[in-house]
């Protein structure tokens, strides 16, 4: 049955809808995060992605200079750093 509590993935949606109705009935309004907090979150996400990518560039260039491999290691570690940064950013967004 779909109407029971605790059933399936619709429970968080039903809970959010119930809370919204309760806030509306109480005359409260959820203002959401401030503009400064939103800018802070955007900056955090940007550095969370760019940081590992930049570290990949630096480590890759150092390895390329040591191994004489052109830009192979720099390219590989840059992509690896960007992928790591995206994963970290997605994980952080889901926790928020």
C-alpha atoms as a PDB file:
ATOM      1  CA  UNK A   1       0.000   0.000   0.000  1.00  0.00           C
ATOM      2  CA  UNK A   2       1.219   3.497  -0.738  1.00  0.00           C
ATOM      3  CA  UNK A   3      -0.547   5.353   2.073  1.00  0.00           C
ATOM      4  CA  UNK A   4       1.299   3.873   5.042  1.00  0.00           C
ATOM      5  CA  UNK A   5       4.113   5.798   6.679  1.00  0.00           C
ATOM      6  CA  UNK A   6       7.541   4.247   6.294  1.00  0.00           C
ATOM      7  CA  UNK A   7       6.749   2.906   2.846  1.00  0.00           C
ATOM      8  CA  UNK A   8       9.037   3.648  -0.058  1.00  0.00           C
ATOM      9  CA  UNK A   9      10.875   6.684  -1.331  1.00  0.00           C
ATOM     10  CA  UNK A  10       7.883   9.057  -1.071  1.00  0.00           C
ATOM     11  CA  UNK A  11       8.224   9.386   2.708  1.00  0.00           C
ATOM     12  CA  UNK A  12      10.701  12.339   2.667  1.00  0.00           C
ATOM     13  CA  UNK A  13       8.448  14.182   0.208  1.00  0.00           C
ATOM     14  CA  UNK A  14       5.383  13.554   2.355  1.00  0.00           C
ATOM     15  CA  UNK A  15       7.259  14.712   5.447  1.00  0.00           C
ATOM     16  CA  UNK A  16       8.388  17.914   3.727  1.00  0.00           C
ATOM     17  CA  UNK A  17       4.839  18.598   2.516  1.00  0.00           C
ATOM     18  CA  UNK A  18       3.443  18.034   6.013  1.00  0.00           C
ATOM     19  CA  UNK A  19       6.003  20.416   7.534  1.00  0.00           C
ATOM     20  CA  UNK A  20       5.227  23.060   4.912  1.00  0.00           C
ATOM     21  CA  UNK A  21       1.510  22.797   5.706  1.00  0.00           C
ATOM     22  CA  UNK A  22       2.240  23.086   9.432  1.00  0.00           C
ATOM     23  CA  UNK A  23       4.401  26.192   8.904  1.00  0.00           C
ATOM     24  CA  UNK A  24       1.748  27.753   6.694  1.00  0.00           C
ATOM     25  CA  UNK A  25      -0.953  27.018   9.245  1.00  0.00           C
ATOM     26  CA  UNK A  26       1.159  28.555  11.990  1.00  0.00           C
ATOM     27  CA  UNK A  27       1.767  31.670   9.886  1.00  0.00           C
ATOM     28  CA  UNK A  28       5.489  31.066   9.702  1.00  0.00           C
ATOM     29  CA  UNK A  29       7.583  31.492   6.628  1.00  0.00           C
ATOM     30  CA  UNK A  30      10.889  29.777   5.881  1.00  0.00           C
ATOM     31  CA  UNK A  31      13.163  32.593   4.645  1.00  0.00           C
ATOM     32  CA  UNK A  32      15.857  30.202   3.416  1.00  0.00           C
ATOM     33  CA  UNK A  33      19.566  30.888   3.509  1.00  0.00           C
ATOM     34  CA  UNK A  34      20.819  34.456   3.298  1.00  0.00           C
ATOM     35  CA  UNK A  35      22.460  35.844   0.178  1.00  0.00           C
ATOM     36  CA  UNK A  36      25.870  35.856   1.884  1.00  0.00           C
ATOM     37  CA  UNK A  37      25.453  32.186   2.817  1.00  0.00           C
ATOM     38  CA  UNK A  38      24.498  31.318  -0.759  1.00  0.00           C
ATOM     39  CA  UNK A  39      27.600  33.106  -2.103  1.00  0.00           C
ATOM     40  CA  UNK A  40      29.691  31.303   0.489  1.00  0.00           C
ATOM     41  CA  UNK A  41      28.313  27.951  -0.622  1.00  0.00           C
ATOM     42  CA  UNK A  42      29.041  28.743  -4.267  1.00  0.00           C
ATOM     43  CA  UNK A  43      32.595  29.737  -3.385  1.00  0.00           C
ATOM     44  CA  UNK A  44      33.057  26.583  -1.321  1.00  0.00           C
ATOM     45  CA  UNK A  45      31.862  24.429  -4.209  1.00  0.00           C
ATOM     46  CA  UNK A  46      34.188  26.222  -6.612  1.00  0.00           C
ATOM     47  CA  UNK A  47      37.251  25.685  -4.438  1.00  0.00           C
ATOM     48  CA  UNK A  48      36.192  22.126  -3.704  1.00  0.00           C
ATOM     49  CA  UNK A  49      36.372  21.380  -7.443  1.00  0.00           C
ATOM     50  CA  UNK A  50      39.275  23.632  -8.427  1.00  0.00           C
ATOM     51  CA  UNK A  51      41.553  22.715  -5.508  1.00  0.00           C
ATOM     52  CA  UNK A  52      42.097  19.039  -6.354  1.00  0.00           C
ATOM     53  CA  UNK A  53      42.370  19.885 -10.070  1.00  0.00           C
ATOM     54  CA  UNK A  54      45.090  22.462  -9.365  1.00  0.00           C
ATOM     55  CA  UNK A  55      46.908  20.013  -7.120  1.00  0.00           C
ATOM     56  CA  UNK A  56      46.736  17.518  -9.996  1.00  0.00           C
ATOM     57  CA  UNK A  57      48.320  20.066 -12.351  1.00  0.00           C
ATOM     58  CA  UNK A  58      51.164  20.821  -9.934  1.00  0.00           C
ATOM     59  CA  UNK A  59      51.848  17.165  -9.102  1.00  0.00           C
ATOM     60  CA  UNK A  60      51.574  16.182 -12.769  1.00  0.00           C
ATOM     61  CA  UNK A  61      54.007  18.854 -13.942  1.00  0.00           C
ATOM     62  CA  UNK A  62      56.463  17.830 -11.250  1.00  0.00           C
ATOM     63  CA  UNK A  63      56.209  14.179 -12.315  1.00  0.00           C
ATOM     64  CA  UNK A  64      56.506  15.118 -16.006  1.00  0.00           C
ATOM     65  CA  UNK A  65      59.691  17.077 -15.298  1.00  0.00           C
ATOM     66  CA  UNK A  66      61.136  14.168 -13.287  1.00  0.00           C
ATOM     67  CA  UNK A  67      60.161  11.512 -15.846  1.00  0.00           C
ATOM     68  CA  UNK A  68      60.528  13.559 -19.044  1.00  0.00           C
ATOM     69  CA  UNK A  69      57.068  12.501 -20.200  1.00  0.00           C
ATOM     70  CA  UNK A  70      55.785  15.707 -21.822  1.00  0.00           C
ATOM     71  CA  UNK A  71      52.358  16.536 -20.415  1.00  0.00           C
ATOM     72  CA  UNK A  72      51.068  13.002 -19.914  1.00  0.00           C
ATOM     73  CA  UNK A  73      51.083  12.963 -16.119  1.00  0.00           C
ATOM     74  CA  UNK A  74      49.842  16.548 -15.841  1.00  0.00           C
ATOM     75  CA  UNK A  75      46.848  15.780 -18.044  1.00  0.00           C
ATOM     76  CA  UNK A  76      46.035  12.549 -16.251  1.00  0.00           C
ATOM     77  CA  UNK A  77      46.347  13.981 -12.748  1.00  0.00           C
ATOM     78  CA  UNK A  78      44.375  17.101 -13.720  1.00  0.00           C
ATOM     79  CA  UNK A  79      41.454  14.934 -14.866  1.00  0.00           C
ATOM     80  CA  UNK A  80      41.772  12.755 -11.774  1.00  0.00           C
ATOM     81  CA  UNK A  81      41.793  15.851  -9.542  1.00  0.00           C
ATOM     82  CA  UNK A  82      38.755  17.324 -11.301  1.00  0.00           C
ATOM     83  CA  UNK A  83      36.865  14.038 -10.930  1.00  0.00           C
ATOM     84  CA  UNK A  84      37.785  13.888  -7.237  1.00  0.00           C
ATOM     85  CA  UNK A  85      36.690  17.506  -6.778  1.00  0.00           C
ATOM     86  CA  UNK A  86      33.331  16.886  -8.452  1.00  0.00           C
ATOM     87  CA  UNK A  87      32.756  13.816  -6.302  1.00  0.00           C
ATOM     88  CA  UNK A  88      33.612  15.772  -3.140  1.00  0.00           C
ATOM     89  CA  UNK A  89      31.321  18.630  -4.193  1.00  0.00           C
ATOM     90  CA  UNK A  90      28.405  16.294  -4.907  1.00  0.00           C
ATOM     91  CA  UNK A  91      28.894  14.534  -1.580  1.00  0.00           C
ATOM     92  CA  UNK A  92      29.006  17.890   0.243  1.00  0.00           C
ATOM     93  CA  UNK A  93      25.851  19.114  -1.541  1.00  0.00           C
ATOM     94  CA  UNK A  94      23.947  15.980  -0.525  1.00  0.00           C
ATOM     95  CA  UNK A  95      24.966  16.490   3.102  1.00  0.00           C
ATOM     96  CA  UNK A  96      23.698  20.081   3.081  1.00  0.00           C
END
